[in-house]
Amino acid sequence: MAEAAVQQSRGITRREFLNYVWGASMALFMAELGGAIFLFALPRFKEGEFGGPKTIGTVGERLPAADVQPIPYDDVKVWLVNIGPEAAAKGGGKQGLLALYKVCVHLGCLYAWVDSNARFECPCHGSKYQLDGTYIEGPAPRDLDRFVVQLVDESGKVVVQTETTAGGPEYGAPVPIPANADNLTIVVQTGEKIDLGKQHYYKGGA
């Protein structure tokens, strides 16, 4: 009986203490890992911010006229362009709606639309591009990058969007505008960028 009382007074052993410490450490590690995974899974960009979806408005309200000056959206670094038959003949041959990244593919300057010359021109080093972003001349190595464009109906269903499967004939091509599309909403996914030169599609941040 005296021996039992002595064992009770000793408390936990060294091995038990180390097991408790190890268990607590593992529980803390798993909690931190779970929190990190949860935070990583959350959307990094809000609606309307660069790197996320940008709702432009309906086709009837916001679609630029075909073959004329594009519309800039400085907050998300996008030029919205309507490629008609004239611009298509000078550029890549496809008609429809495009969202061009506003950064020159040479050294990252912000190029501009020059209405008198009917083309995009980079003020830094002189690279020039057609209305659809097709390279004309200058030190730029390729055409301008494009973002994925979606036309969405009132229920939120995507009716048509930019083709992102590399290698196909419609990869990165302008989005065709359906008949009676005035009520469709234009959404630009600025986290989904298309490099036509490398046939490469970037998702998750431009």
N, C-alpha and C. Protein backbone atom coordinates (compact mmCIF):
# COMPACT_ATOMS: atom_id res chain seq x y z
N MET A 1 0.83 -1.20 0.00
CA MET A 1 0.00 0.00 0.00
C MET A 1 0.86 1.26 0.00
N ALA A 2 1.94 1.20 0.79
CA ALA A 2 2.88 2.32 0.81
C ALA A 2 3.54 2.51 -0.54
N GLU A 3 3.82 1.39 -1.21
CA GLU A 3 4.47 1.46 -2.55
C GLU A 3 3.54 2.12 -3.57
N ALA A 4 2.24 1.82 -3.49
CA ALA A 4 1.27 2.44 -4.42
C ALA A 4 1.19 3.93 -4.21
N ALA A 5 1.25 4.36 -2.93
CA ALA A 5 1.21 5.79 -2.64
C ALA A 5 2.43 6.51 -3.18
N VAL A 6 3.58 5.86 -3.13
CA VAL A 6 4.81 6.46 -3.67
C VAL A 6 4.71 6.65 -5.17
N GLN A 7 4.15 5.62 -5.90
CA GLN A 7 4.01 5.70 -7.37
C GLN A 7 3.07 6.83 -7.78
N GLN A 8 1.97 7.02 -6.96
CA GLN A 8 1.04 8.09 -7.30
C GLN A 8 1.66 9.47 -7.12
N SER A 9 2.55 9.60 -6.15
CA SER A 9 3.16 10.89 -5.89
C SER A 9 4.20 11.29 -6.92
N ARG A 10 4.64 10.34 -7.74
CA ARG A 10 5.68 10.64 -8.73
C ARG A 10 5.15 11.45 -9.93
N GLY A 11 3.82 11.45 -10.20
CA GLY A 11 3.27 12.14 -11.36
C GLY A 11 3.57 11.39 -12.66
N ILE A 12 3.62 12.15 -13.78
CA ILE A 12 3.88 11.52 -15.08
C ILE A 12 5.37 11.24 -15.25
N THR A 13 5.66 10.23 -16.08
CA THR A 13 7.06 9.89 -16.34
C THR A 13 7.61 10.78 -17.45
N ARG A 14 8.92 10.71 -17.66
CA ARG A 14 9.57 11.49 -18.72
C ARG A 14 9.03 11.08 -20.08
N ARG A 15 8.82 9.77 -20.29
CA ARG A 15 8.31 9.29 -21.58
C ARG A 15 6.90 9.82 -21.83
N GLU A 16 6.06 9.80 -20.79
CA GLU A 16 4.70 10.30 -20.94
C GLU A 16 4.72 11.80 -21.26
N PHE A 17 5.57 12.54 -20.58
CA PHE A 17 5.68 13.97 -20.83
C PHE A 17 6.08 14.26 -22.27
N LEU A 18 7.09 13.52 -22.78
CA LEU A 18 7.52 13.71 -24.16
C LEU A 18 6.43 13.34 -25.15
N ASN A 19 5.66 12.30 -24.83
CA ASN A 19 4.54 11.91 -25.70
C ASN A 19 3.49 13.02 -25.76
N TYR A 20 3.20 13.63 -24.59
CA TYR A 20 2.23 14.73 -24.55
C TYR A 20 2.72 15.93 -25.37
N VAL A 21 4.01 16.26 -25.23
CA VAL A 21 4.58 17.38 -25.98
C VAL A 21 4.53 17.10 -27.48
N TRP A 22 4.89 15.88 -27.87
CA TRP A 22 4.87 15.51 -29.29
C TRP A 22 3.45 15.59 -29.84
N GLY A 23 2.48 15.07 -29.08
CA GLY A 23 1.09 15.09 -29.52
C GLY A 23 0.57 16.52 -29.67
N ALA A 24 0.90 17.38 -28.69
CA ALA A 24 0.47 18.78 -28.77
C ALA A 24 1.11 19.49 -29.96
N SER A 25 2.38 19.19 -30.22
CA SER A 25 3.08 19.80 -31.35
C SER A 25 2.45 19.39 -32.67
N MET A 26 2.12 18.11 -32.81
CA MET A 26 1.50 17.62 -34.03
C MET A 26 0.11 18.24 -34.23
N ALA A 27 -0.65 18.38 -33.12
CA ALA A 27 -1.97 18.99 -33.22
C ALA A 27 -1.86 20.44 -33.67
N LEU A 28 -0.88 21.16 -33.12
CA LEU A 28 -0.67 22.55 -33.52
C LEU A 28 -0.26 22.65 -34.98
N PHE A 29 0.64 21.76 -35.41
CA PHE A 29 1.10 21.75 -36.80
C PHE A 29 -0.06 21.49 -37.75
N MET A 30 -0.91 20.50 -37.44
CA MET A 30 -2.03 20.17 -38.31
C MET A 30 -3.04 21.32 -38.38
N ALA A 31 -3.22 22.00 -37.23
CA ALA A 31 -4.14 23.16 -37.23
C ALA A 31 -3.60 24.27 -38.12
N GLU A 32 -2.28 24.54 -38.03
CA GLU A 32 -1.68 25.57 -38.87
C GLU A 32 -1.74 25.19 -40.34
N LEU A 33 -1.48 23.90 -40.64
CA LEU A 33 -1.54 23.44 -42.03
C LEU A 33 -2.95 23.57 -42.58
N GLY A 34 -3.95 23.17 -41.79
CA GLY A 34 -5.33 23.29 -42.24
C GLY A 34 -5.71 24.74 -42.48
N GLY A 35 -5.26 25.64 -41.60
CA GLY A 35 -5.55 27.06 -41.79
C GLY A 35 -4.91 27.61 -43.04
N ALA A 36 -3.66 27.19 -43.31
CA ALA A 36 -2.96 27.66 -44.51
C ALA A 36 -3.65 27.18 -45.77
N ILE A 37 -4.10 25.92 -45.77
CA ILE A 37 -4.80 25.37 -46.94
C ILE A 37 -6.12 26.12 -47.16
N PHE A 38 -6.83 26.40 -46.07
CA PHE A 38 -8.09 27.13 -46.18
C PHE A 38 -7.88 28.52 -46.76
N LEU A 39 -6.87 29.23 -46.25
CA LEU A 39 -6.60 30.58 -46.75
C LEU A 39 -6.16 30.56 -48.21
N PHE A 40 -5.37 29.53 -48.59
CA PHE A 40 -4.92 29.41 -49.98
C PHE A 40 -6.10 29.17 -50.92
N ALA A 41 -7.12 28.45 -50.42
CA ALA A 41 -8.27 28.12 -51.26
C ALA A 41 -9.20 29.31 -51.46
N LEU A 42 -9.11 30.32 -50.59
CA LEU A 42 -9.98 31.48 -50.74
C LEU A 42 -9.61 32.29 -51.99
N PRO A 43 -10.56 32.93 -52.64
CA PRO A 43 -10.24 33.79 -53.80
C PRO A 43 -9.28 34.89 -53.39
N ARG A 44 -8.23 35.09 -54.20
CA ARG A 44 -7.22 36.08 -53.88
C ARG A 44 -7.63 37.48 -54.35
N PHE A 45 -8.58 37.53 -55.27
CA PHE A 45 -8.96 38.81 -55.84
C PHE A 45 -10.48 38.96 -55.79
N LYS A 46 -10.93 40.15 -55.52
CA LYS A 46 -12.35 40.43 -55.48
C LYS A 46 -12.84 40.79 -56.88
N GLU A 47 -14.15 40.71 -57.05
CA GLU A 47 -14.79 41.11 -58.30
C GLU A 47 -14.40 42.55 -58.63
N GLY A 48 -13.93 42.76 -59.86
CA GLY A 48 -13.59 44.10 -60.31
C GLY A 48 -12.15 44.49 -60.08
N GLU A 49 -11.36 43.65 -59.40
CA GLU A 49 -9.95 43.93 -59.18
C GLU A 49 -9.10 43.22 -60.24
N PHE A 50 -7.92 43.80 -60.52
CA PHE A 50 -7.02 43.14 -61.45
C PHE A 50 -6.58 41.80 -60.86
N GLY A 51 -6.67 40.75 -61.67
CA GLY A 51 -6.37 39.40 -61.21
C GLY A 51 -7.63 38.60 -60.96
N GLY A 52 -8.78 39.25 -61.02
CA GLY A 52 -10.06 38.58 -60.83
C GLY A 52 -11.01 38.93 -61.96
N PRO A 53 -12.27 38.52 -61.85
CA PRO A 53 -13.25 38.84 -62.90
C PRO A 53 -13.65 40.30 -62.86
N LYS A 54 -13.75 40.89 -64.03
CA LYS A 54 -14.18 42.28 -64.16
C LYS A 54 -15.46 42.32 -64.99
N THR A 55 -16.57 42.71 -64.37
CA THR A 55 -17.83 42.85 -65.09
C THR A 55 -17.86 44.23 -65.75
N ILE A 56 -17.90 44.22 -67.08
CA ILE A 56 -17.84 45.47 -67.83
C ILE A 56 -19.22 46.09 -67.97
N GLY A 57 -20.22 45.27 -68.21
CA GLY A 57 -21.58 45.75 -68.47
C GLY A 57 -22.19 44.92 -69.58
N THR A 58 -23.37 45.28 -70.02
CA THR A 58 -24.02 44.51 -71.08
C THR A 58 -23.44 44.86 -72.45
N VAL A 59 -23.65 43.94 -73.37
CA VAL A 59 -23.18 44.17 -74.75
C VAL A 59 -23.84 45.41 -75.33
N GLY A 60 -25.12 45.59 -75.07
CA GLY A 60 -25.83 46.75 -75.61
C GLY A 60 -25.30 48.07 -75.09
N GLU A 61 -24.75 48.07 -73.87
CA GLU A 61 -24.27 49.31 -73.27
C GLU A 61 -22.78 49.54 -73.48
N ARG A 62 -21.99 48.48 -73.48
CA ARG A 62 -20.54 48.64 -73.38
C ARG A 62 -19.73 48.15 -74.59
N LEU A 63 -20.36 47.48 -75.52
CA LEU A 63 -19.59 46.97 -76.67
C LEU A 63 -19.05 48.12 -77.51
N PRO A 64 -17.72 48.19 -77.72
CA PRO A 64 -17.18 49.24 -78.60
C PRO A 64 -17.67 49.03 -80.03
N ALA A 65 -17.72 50.10 -80.79
CA ALA A 65 -18.04 49.97 -82.21
C ALA A 65 -16.94 49.18 -82.91
N ALA A 66 -17.30 48.45 -83.94
CA ALA A 66 -16.34 47.61 -84.66
C ALA A 66 -15.33 48.47 -85.43
N ASP A 67 -14.07 48.06 -85.37
CA ASP A 67 -13.00 48.65 -86.17
C ASP A 67 -12.68 50.10 -85.83
N VAL A 68 -13.05 50.54 -84.62
CA VAL A 68 -12.72 51.90 -84.22
C VAL A 68 -12.00 51.87 -82.88
N GLN A 69 -11.79 53.05 -82.30
CA GLN A 69 -11.01 53.19 -81.08
C GLN A 69 -11.50 52.26 -79.97
N PRO A 70 -10.60 51.50 -79.36
CA PRO A 70 -10.99 50.60 -78.26
C PRO A 70 -11.26 51.39 -76.98
N ILE A 71 -11.83 50.70 -75.99
CA ILE A 71 -12.15 51.35 -74.72
C ILE A 71 -11.18 50.88 -73.64
N PRO A 72 -10.50 51.81 -72.95
CA PRO A 72 -9.56 51.40 -71.90
C PRO A 72 -10.28 51.25 -70.55
N TYR A 73 -9.83 50.27 -69.78
CA TYR A 73 -10.27 50.09 -68.39
C TYR A 73 -9.00 50.04 -67.55
N ASP A 74 -8.61 51.22 -67.08
CA ASP A 74 -7.32 51.36 -66.40
C ASP A 74 -7.25 50.60 -65.08
N ASP A 75 -8.39 50.45 -64.39
CA ASP A 75 -8.36 49.80 -63.08
C ASP A 75 -7.98 48.33 -63.17
N VAL A 76 -8.26 47.70 -64.32
CA VAL A 76 -7.89 46.29 -64.49
C VAL A 76 -6.94 46.08 -65.68
N LYS A 77 -6.34 47.17 -66.18
CA LYS A 77 -5.29 47.09 -67.19
C LYS A 77 -5.74 46.38 -68.46
N VAL A 78 -6.90 46.78 -68.96
CA VAL A 78 -7.50 46.11 -70.11
C VAL A 78 -7.93 47.12 -71.15
N TRP A 79 -7.73 46.74 -72.42
CA TRP A 79 -8.36 47.42 -73.56
C TRP A 79 -9.45 46.49 -74.07
N LEU A 80 -10.68 46.99 -74.16
CA LEU A 80 -11.77 46.21 -74.74
C LEU A 80 -11.91 46.60 -76.20
N VAL A 81 -11.87 45.61 -77.08
CA VAL A 81 -11.77 45.85 -78.52
C VAL A 81 -12.82 45.03 -79.26
N ASN A 82 -13.46 45.65 -80.24
CA ASN A 82 -14.40 44.96 -81.11
C ASN A 82 -13.77 44.86 -82.50
N ILE A 83 -13.36 43.67 -82.87
CA ILE A 83 -12.68 43.44 -84.15
C ILE A 83 -13.72 43.18 -85.23
N GLY A 84 -13.82 44.12 -86.16
CA GLY A 84 -14.71 43.95 -87.31
C GLY A 84 -13.93 43.43 -88.51
N PRO A 85 -14.55 43.43 -89.68
CA PRO A 85 -13.90 42.87 -90.88
C PRO A 85 -12.64 43.61 -91.30
N GLU A 86 -12.63 44.94 -91.15
CA GLU A 86 -11.45 45.71 -91.56
C GLU A 86 -10.24 45.39 -90.68
N ALA A 87 -10.43 45.41 -89.35
CA ALA A 87 -9.33 45.12 -88.44
C ALA A 87 -8.89 43.66 -88.54
N ALA A 88 -9.85 42.78 -88.77
CA ALA A 88 -9.52 41.36 -88.90
C ALA A 88 -8.63 41.12 -90.12
N ALA A 89 -8.91 41.82 -91.22
CA ALA A 89 -8.12 41.67 -92.44
C ALA A 89 -6.67 42.13 -92.23
N LYS A 90 -6.47 43.14 -91.38
CA LYS A 90 -5.13 43.65 -91.12
C LYS A 90 -4.39 42.82 -90.06
N GLY A 91 -5.16 42.15 -89.21
CA GLY A 91 -4.56 41.43 -88.09
C GLY A 91 -4.61 39.93 -88.25
N GLY A 92 -5.19 39.27 -87.23
CA GLY A 92 -5.18 37.81 -87.21
C GLY A 92 -6.27 37.14 -88.00
N GLY A 93 -7.16 37.92 -88.62
CA GLY A 93 -8.18 37.34 -89.49
C GLY A 93 -9.46 36.92 -88.80
N LYS A 94 -9.58 37.16 -87.48
CA LYS A 94 -10.77 36.75 -86.74
C LYS A 94 -11.53 37.98 -86.24
N GLN A 95 -12.86 37.89 -86.31
CA GLN A 95 -13.71 38.98 -85.82
C GLN A 95 -14.30 38.63 -84.46
N GLY A 96 -14.64 39.67 -83.67
CA GLY A 96 -15.27 39.44 -82.39
C GLY A 96 -14.71 40.35 -81.31
N LEU A 97 -14.98 39.99 -80.07
CA LEU A 97 -14.62 40.81 -78.92
C LEU A 97 -13.32 40.33 -78.27
N LEU A 98 -12.44 41.28 -77.97
CA LEU A 98 -11.15 40.98 -77.34
C LEU A 98 -10.94 41.84 -76.11
N ALA A 99 -10.18 41.30 -75.16
CA ALA A 99 -9.69 42.09 -74.02
C ALA A 99 -8.18 41.97 -74.03
N LEU A 100 -7.49 43.05 -74.36
CA LEU A 100 -6.03 43.06 -74.46
C LEU A 100 -5.41 43.57 -73.17
N TYR A 101 -4.36 42.89 -72.72
CA TYR A 101 -3.59 43.34 -71.56
C TYR A 101 -2.86 44.63 -71.94
N LYS A 102 -2.94 45.64 -71.09
CA LYS A 102 -2.43 46.97 -71.44
C LYS A 102 -0.91 47.10 -71.34
N VAL A 103 -0.22 46.02 -71.05
CA VAL A 103 1.23 46.06 -70.87
C VAL A 103 1.93 45.54 -72.12
N CYS A 104 2.88 46.31 -72.63
CA CYS A 104 3.64 45.91 -73.81
C CYS A 104 4.46 44.65 -73.50
N VAL A 105 4.52 43.74 -74.46
CA VAL A 105 5.23 42.47 -74.25
C VAL A 105 6.75 42.62 -74.42
N HIS A 106 7.22 43.83 -74.73
CA HIS A 106 8.66 44.03 -74.85
C HIS A 106 9.30 44.16 -73.48
N LEU A 107 9.11 45.33 -72.81
CA LEU A 107 9.71 45.54 -71.49
C LEU A 107 8.69 46.06 -70.47
N GLY A 108 7.43 45.85 -70.74
CA GLY A 108 6.41 46.14 -69.74
C GLY A 108 5.90 47.56 -69.66
N CYS A 109 6.16 48.38 -70.67
CA CYS A 109 5.60 49.73 -70.67
C CYS A 109 4.10 49.68 -70.98
N LEU A 110 3.41 50.77 -70.70
CA LEU A 110 2.00 50.87 -71.02
C LEU A 110 1.85 51.51 -72.40
N TYR A 111 1.41 50.74 -73.35
CA TYR A 111 1.23 51.27 -74.70
C TYR A 111 -0.10 52.03 -74.77
N ALA A 112 -0.32 52.72 -75.88
CA ALA A 112 -1.53 53.54 -76.04
C ALA A 112 -2.10 53.37 -77.44
N TRP A 113 -3.37 53.68 -77.58
CA TRP A 113 -4.01 53.69 -78.89
C TRP A 113 -3.77 55.05 -79.53
N VAL A 114 -3.26 55.04 -80.76
CA VAL A 114 -3.01 56.28 -81.51
C VAL A 114 -4.04 56.33 -82.63
N ASP A 115 -5.05 57.18 -82.45
CA ASP A 115 -6.17 57.20 -83.38
C ASP A 115 -5.77 57.63 -84.77
N SER A 116 -4.82 58.57 -84.88
CA SER A 116 -4.41 59.06 -86.20
C SER A 116 -3.74 57.97 -87.03
N ASN A 117 -3.11 57.01 -86.37
CA ASN A 117 -2.46 55.90 -87.07
C ASN A 117 -3.28 54.61 -87.02
N ALA A 118 -4.39 54.63 -86.27
CA ALA A 118 -5.28 53.48 -86.13
C ALA A 118 -4.52 52.23 -85.68
N ARG A 119 -3.73 52.38 -84.62
CA ARG A 119 -2.98 51.24 -84.10
C ARG A 119 -2.51 51.55 -82.67
N PHE A 120 -2.08 50.51 -81.98
CA PHE A 120 -1.45 50.69 -80.67
C PHE A 120 0.03 50.96 -80.86
N GLU A 121 0.58 51.89 -80.05
CA GLU A 121 2.00 52.20 -80.11
C GLU A 121 2.56 52.31 -78.70
N CYS A 122 3.74 51.74 -78.49
CA CYS A 122 4.40 51.82 -77.20
C CYS A 122 5.31 53.05 -77.19
N PRO A 123 5.14 53.97 -76.24
CA PRO A 123 5.95 55.19 -76.22
C PRO A 123 7.39 54.97 -75.77
N CYS A 124 7.68 53.82 -75.18
CA CYS A 124 9.02 53.58 -74.64
C CYS A 124 10.03 53.20 -75.72
N HIS A 125 9.67 52.21 -76.55
CA HIS A 125 10.65 51.70 -77.51
C HIS A 125 10.08 51.53 -78.91
N GLY A 126 8.84 52.00 -79.12
CA GLY A 126 8.32 52.07 -80.48
C GLY A 126 7.65 50.83 -81.04
N SER A 127 7.35 49.83 -80.20
CA SER A 127 6.64 48.67 -80.72
C SER A 127 5.23 49.08 -81.15
N LYS A 128 4.75 48.47 -82.24
CA LYS A 128 3.45 48.84 -82.80
C LYS A 128 2.62 47.58 -83.04
N TYR A 129 1.28 47.73 -82.84
CA TYR A 129 0.38 46.58 -82.94
C TYR A 129 -0.92 47.00 -83.61
N GLN A 130 -1.53 46.06 -84.33
CA GLN A 130 -2.84 46.29 -84.91
C GLN A 130 -3.91 46.35 -83.82
N LEU A 131 -5.14 46.67 -84.19
CA LEU A 131 -6.24 46.79 -83.24
C LEU A 131 -6.46 45.48 -82.46
N ASP A 132 -6.22 44.34 -83.08
CA ASP A 132 -6.40 43.07 -82.38
C ASP A 132 -5.15 42.62 -81.63
N GLY A 133 -4.15 43.50 -81.55
CA GLY A 133 -2.92 43.17 -80.82
C GLY A 133 -1.86 42.47 -81.64
N THR A 134 -2.11 42.27 -82.93
CA THR A 134 -1.12 41.63 -83.79
C THR A 134 0.10 42.52 -83.96
N TYR A 135 1.29 41.95 -83.79
CA TYR A 135 2.54 42.70 -83.90
C TYR A 135 2.73 43.27 -85.30
N ILE A 136 3.17 44.53 -85.38
CA ILE A 136 3.48 45.15 -86.67
C ILE A 136 4.99 45.33 -86.81
N GLU A 137 5.59 46.09 -85.88
CA GLU A 137 7.03 46.34 -85.95
C GLU A 137 7.54 46.81 -84.59
N GLY A 138 8.88 46.84 -84.47
CA GLY A 138 9.50 47.28 -83.23
C GLY A 138 10.16 46.13 -82.51
N PRO A 139 10.71 46.38 -81.32
CA PRO A 139 11.48 45.35 -80.62
C PRO A 139 10.64 44.29 -79.91
N ALA A 140 9.32 44.46 -79.85
CA ALA A 140 8.48 43.46 -79.19
C ALA A 140 8.64 42.10 -79.86
N PRO A 141 8.67 41.02 -79.08
CA PRO A 141 8.91 39.69 -79.66
C PRO A 141 7.68 39.00 -80.22
N ARG A 142 6.47 39.54 -79.94
CA ARG A 142 5.26 38.81 -80.31
C ARG A 142 4.03 39.72 -80.21
N ASP A 143 2.86 39.13 -80.44
CA ASP A 143 1.60 39.85 -80.31
C ASP A 143 1.31 40.17 -78.83
N LEU A 144 0.38 41.09 -78.62
CA LEU A 144 -0.03 41.43 -77.26
C LEU A 144 -0.76 40.27 -76.60
N ASP A 145 -0.65 40.20 -75.28
CA ASP A 145 -1.37 39.18 -74.52
C ASP A 145 -2.85 39.54 -74.42
N ARG A 146 -3.67 38.50 -74.27
CA ARG A 146 -5.11 38.66 -74.19
C ARG A 146 -5.65 38.04 -72.91
N PHE A 147 -6.79 38.53 -72.45
CA PHE A 147 -7.47 37.92 -71.33
C PHE A 147 -8.69 37.16 -71.82
N VAL A 148 -9.13 36.21 -71.02
CA VAL A 148 -10.35 35.46 -71.34
C VAL A 148 -11.56 36.38 -71.19
N VAL A 149 -12.41 36.39 -72.23
CA VAL A 149 -13.65 37.17 -72.22
C VAL A 149 -14.82 36.20 -72.22
N GLN A 150 -15.83 36.51 -71.40
CA GLN A 150 -17.05 35.71 -71.35
C GLN A 150 -18.26 36.58 -71.61
N LEU A 151 -19.23 36.04 -72.32
CA LEU A 151 -20.54 36.67 -72.45
C LEU A 151 -21.51 35.82 -71.65
N VAL A 152 -22.14 36.45 -70.65
CA VAL A 152 -22.93 35.73 -69.65
C VAL A 152 -24.38 36.19 -69.72
N ASP A 153 -25.32 35.21 -69.65
CA ASP A 153 -26.74 35.59 -69.69
C ASP A 153 -27.24 35.98 -68.30
N GLU A 154 -28.51 36.32 -68.19
CA GLU A 154 -29.08 36.84 -66.95
C GLU A 154 -29.09 35.81 -65.83
N SER A 155 -29.05 34.52 -66.17
CA SER A 155 -29.02 33.47 -65.15
C SER A 155 -27.61 33.16 -64.66
N GLY A 156 -26.60 33.82 -65.26
CA GLY A 156 -25.21 33.57 -64.88
C GLY A 156 -24.52 32.52 -65.73
N LYS A 157 -25.22 31.99 -66.73
CA LYS A 157 -24.64 30.97 -67.61
C LYS A 157 -23.74 31.62 -68.65
N VAL A 158 -22.55 31.04 -68.84
CA VAL A 158 -21.62 31.53 -69.87
C VAL A 158 -22.11 31.06 -71.23
N VAL A 159 -22.48 31.99 -72.09
CA VAL A 159 -22.99 31.66 -73.42
C VAL A 159 -21.84 31.36 -74.38
N VAL A 160 -20.81 32.19 -74.32
CA VAL A 160 -19.63 32.00 -75.17
C VAL A 160 -18.44 32.63 -74.47
N GLN A 161 -17.24 32.07 -74.69
CA GLN A 161 -16.06 32.64 -74.08
C GLN A 161 -14.82 32.34 -74.93
N THR A 162 -13.72 32.99 -74.59
CA THR A 162 -12.46 32.80 -75.30
C THR A 162 -12.00 31.35 -75.19
N GLU A 163 -11.54 30.81 -76.30
CA GLU A 163 -11.02 29.43 -76.32
C GLU A 163 -9.63 29.40 -75.68
N THR A 164 -9.45 28.51 -74.70
CA THR A 164 -8.18 28.45 -73.96
C THR A 164 -7.40 27.17 -74.21
N THR A 165 -7.88 26.32 -75.12
CA THR A 165 -7.15 25.09 -75.43
C THR A 165 -6.07 25.40 -76.46
N ALA A 166 -4.81 25.36 -76.04
CA ALA A 166 -3.70 25.73 -76.92
C ALA A 166 -3.61 24.79 -78.11
N GLY A 167 -3.20 25.35 -79.23
CA GLY A 167 -2.96 24.55 -80.43
C GLY A 167 -4.11 24.54 -81.41
N GLY A 168 -5.32 24.87 -80.95
CA GLY A 168 -6.47 24.86 -81.84
C GLY A 168 -6.57 26.13 -82.65
N PRO A 169 -7.36 26.12 -83.73
CA PRO A 169 -7.46 27.30 -84.60
C PRO A 169 -8.16 28.48 -83.93
N GLU A 170 -8.95 28.23 -82.89
CA GLU A 170 -9.67 29.30 -82.21
C GLU A 170 -9.00 29.71 -80.90
N TYR A 171 -7.83 29.16 -80.62
CA TYR A 171 -7.15 29.48 -79.36
C TYR A 171 -6.90 30.98 -79.23
N GLY A 172 -7.45 31.60 -78.19
CA GLY A 172 -7.24 33.02 -77.96
C GLY A 172 -7.92 33.94 -78.95
N ALA A 173 -8.73 33.40 -79.86
CA ALA A 173 -9.36 34.22 -80.90
C ALA A 173 -10.43 35.13 -80.29
N PRO A 174 -10.78 36.23 -80.98
CA PRO A 174 -11.86 37.08 -80.49
C PRO A 174 -13.15 36.29 -80.28
N VAL A 175 -13.89 36.66 -79.27
CA VAL A 175 -15.15 35.97 -78.97
C VAL A 175 -16.23 36.42 -79.95
N PRO A 176 -16.83 35.50 -80.68
CA PRO A 176 -17.90 35.90 -81.61
C PRO A 176 -19.10 36.43 -80.83
N ILE A 177 -19.72 37.48 -81.34
CA ILE A 177 -20.85 38.10 -80.66
C ILE A 177 -22.14 37.55 -81.25
N PRO A 178 -22.92 36.80 -80.45
CA PRO A 178 -24.14 36.18 -80.98
C PRO A 178 -25.17 37.23 -81.39
N ALA A 179 -26.10 36.82 -82.21
CA ALA A 179 -27.22 37.70 -82.57
C ALA A 179 -28.07 37.94 -81.32
N ASN A 180 -28.68 39.10 -81.25
CA ASN A 180 -29.52 39.46 -80.11
C ASN A 180 -28.78 39.34 -78.78
N ALA A 181 -27.54 39.85 -78.78
CA ALA A 181 -26.68 39.71 -77.59
C ALA A 181 -26.72 40.92 -76.67
N ASP A 182 -27.59 41.89 -76.92
CA ASP A 182 -27.57 43.15 -76.18
C ASP A 182 -27.67 42.96 -74.67
N ASN A 183 -28.40 41.94 -74.22
CA ASN A 183 -28.61 41.74 -72.79
C ASN A 183 -27.55 40.84 -72.15
N LEU A 184 -26.63 40.32 -72.93
CA LEU A 184 -25.55 39.52 -72.36
C LEU A 184 -24.54 40.43 -71.68
N THR A 185 -23.97 39.96 -70.58
CA THR A 185 -23.00 40.73 -69.81
C THR A 185 -21.58 40.36 -70.21
N ILE A 186 -20.74 41.36 -70.39
CA ILE A 186 -19.34 41.15 -70.73
C ILE A 186 -18.54 41.02 -69.43
N VAL A 187 -17.86 39.89 -69.27
CA VAL A 187 -17.01 39.66 -68.11
C VAL A 187 -15.60 39.35 -68.60
N VAL A 188 -14.61 40.07 -68.08
CA VAL A 188 -13.21 39.83 -68.43
C VAL A 188 -12.53 39.15 -67.25
N GLN A 189 -11.96 37.98 -67.49
CA GLN A 189 -11.25 37.23 -66.45
C GLN A 189 -9.77 37.65 -66.49
N THR A 190 -9.42 38.67 -65.70
CA THR A 190 -8.05 39.20 -65.77
C THR A 190 -7.02 38.31 -65.08
N GLY A 191 -7.48 37.20 -64.50
CA GLY A 191 -6.54 36.21 -63.97
C GLY A 191 -6.28 35.09 -64.95
N GLU A 192 -6.82 35.19 -66.16
CA GLU A 192 -6.65 34.15 -67.18
C GLU A 192 -6.08 34.80 -68.44
N LYS A 193 -4.76 34.73 -68.57
CA LYS A 193 -4.05 35.44 -69.64
C LYS A 193 -3.56 34.47 -70.71
N ILE A 194 -3.63 34.91 -71.96
CA ILE A 194 -3.25 34.08 -73.10
C ILE A 194 -2.08 34.70 -73.83
N ASP A 195 -1.02 33.92 -73.96
CA ASP A 195 0.17 34.30 -74.72
C ASP A 195 0.09 33.56 -76.06
N LEU A 196 -0.26 34.28 -77.11
CA LEU A 196 -0.42 33.64 -78.42
C LEU A 196 0.90 33.14 -78.99
N GLY A 197 1.99 33.87 -78.69
CA GLY A 197 3.29 33.48 -79.24
C GLY A 197 3.76 32.12 -78.75
N LYS A 198 3.64 31.88 -77.44
CA LYS A 198 4.07 30.61 -76.86
C LYS A 198 2.94 29.60 -76.78
N GLN A 199 1.73 29.99 -77.26
CA GLN A 199 0.56 29.13 -77.11
C GLN A 199 0.42 28.70 -75.66
N HIS A 200 0.53 29.68 -74.75
CA HIS A 200 0.51 29.39 -73.33
C HIS A 200 -0.62 30.13 -72.65
N TYR A 201 -1.30 29.39 -71.75
CA TYR A 201 -2.46 29.93 -71.05
C TYR A 201 -2.14 29.98 -69.56
N TYR A 202 -2.21 31.18 -68.97
CA TYR A 202 -1.91 31.36 -67.55
C TYR A 202 -3.19 31.55 -66.79
N LYS A 203 -3.42 30.76 -65.75
CA LYS A 203 -4.61 30.90 -64.92
C LYS A 203 -4.20 31.10 -63.47
N GLY A 204 -4.87 32.06 -62.79
CA GLY A 204 -4.59 32.28 -61.39
C GLY A 204 -3.86 33.56 -61.10
N GLY A 205 -3.70 34.40 -62.08
CA GLY A 205 -3.01 35.67 -61.88
C GLY A 205 -2.21 36.03 -63.11
N ALA A 206 -2.41 37.25 -63.57
CA ALA A 206 -1.79 37.63 -64.84
C ALA A 206 -0.37 38.13 -64.61
